[in-house]
Amino acid sequence: MKIGVFTPLLSNFPLDEVLTRLKAHGIETVELGTGNYPGDAHCKLSMLENRSELAEFRKTIADHGFTISALSCHGNPLHPDQARARHDQEVSEKTILLAEALGVPVVIDFSGCPGDSPQAQQPNWVTCPWPPDFLEVLRWQWEKVVAPYWIQHAKFATDHGVKIAIEMHPGFVVYNPETMLKLRSIAGPAIGCNYDPSHMFWQSIDPIAAIRVLGDAIFHVHAKDTQIYDRNLPLTGVLDTKPYTDERNRTWIFRTCGYGHGEEWWREFASTLRMYGYDYVLSIEHEDSLLSPGEGLSRAATFLKQIVPVEQPAAAWWV
């Protein structure tokens, strides 16, 4: 298992400098955004139309001794605004083509969320079964929008030798293990998840227990933590809509690895991933509003180096 970094936290720096900085932390694999929510500061889809640009990009990665764990284009391909949906779909399609060209096995995306009807203007995330019309909306979303798109998009990814890792996130139709496995059962084995334990914590889902549920559906993992504030929890519950920067009053906030849960928890997390067949990358994602990007990266890398069970050479252990 390797430690990697999702590079939007360093979007103010050019790729060459990003790789140099990460190398100093002992990191040699990166997850790169290609558009939509993550932006494309370090990986441009225009490379698909420019062979020299693609060759130069490959050379930069190779010269620094890096690999790419995934390309990420988190968006809303099911947005009821058709222009917005098509934009995000095209970014996802081109990201798959770029992943194929670069030999990157995984593309990360959100499942998306439709509106409540063909006439809708904004997404509608259904969170409860009553009144009964909520379930009608949910049924329409899955049958008429979610399934048709993802069946087709999964086939596109399969045809190009790429897997799609859906990040489970509230606000979208896939937000927990049950909805993740539902989409996988509809669209097939090319669809799995980018497993971010921080999104499980604030839904009161045990992230380690969920690994046992998801099993081989885990294609990629984000290393990010969440801290729950018990003082605020009785007031709002876990569905807290206050801005992330209102840390004092929120029920929870995202934290750098080790600031929400300690070493023992993260050791069990990494070990359970390996137990269930995942031995790829823990990609540091920085969204901790109490730490700068530099602090978050440095502290997460230092912390995870003590956690990740690194493969040892095949020499006799007693030598």
Foldseek 3Di string as FASTA:
>chain_A
DFAEAAPLLVLVDEPLVVLVVVVVLVHAEYEAEAEAPSHHSHHHLCCVVPVVVLVVSLCSSVVSNHYYQEYEQAHALQELPPVRNVVSVVSQLSRLVVCLVRVHAEYEYALHFYPQDNPDHGGDFQDDCPPVSSVVSVVCCVPPGRLVVLLVVLVSSVVSNHAYAHEQAPVGQRNALVSQVVSCVRNHLSYAHAAEVQSCVLVVHDSLVVCVVRQPSHSHYEQKHKAFDPVQCVPPNSPDDDDLLVVVRHRMHIDQHDPRDHQVSLLSSQVSCVVSPDDGYHYYDDDGPVDRSVVSVSVNSVSCVVRHDDDDDPDDPVD
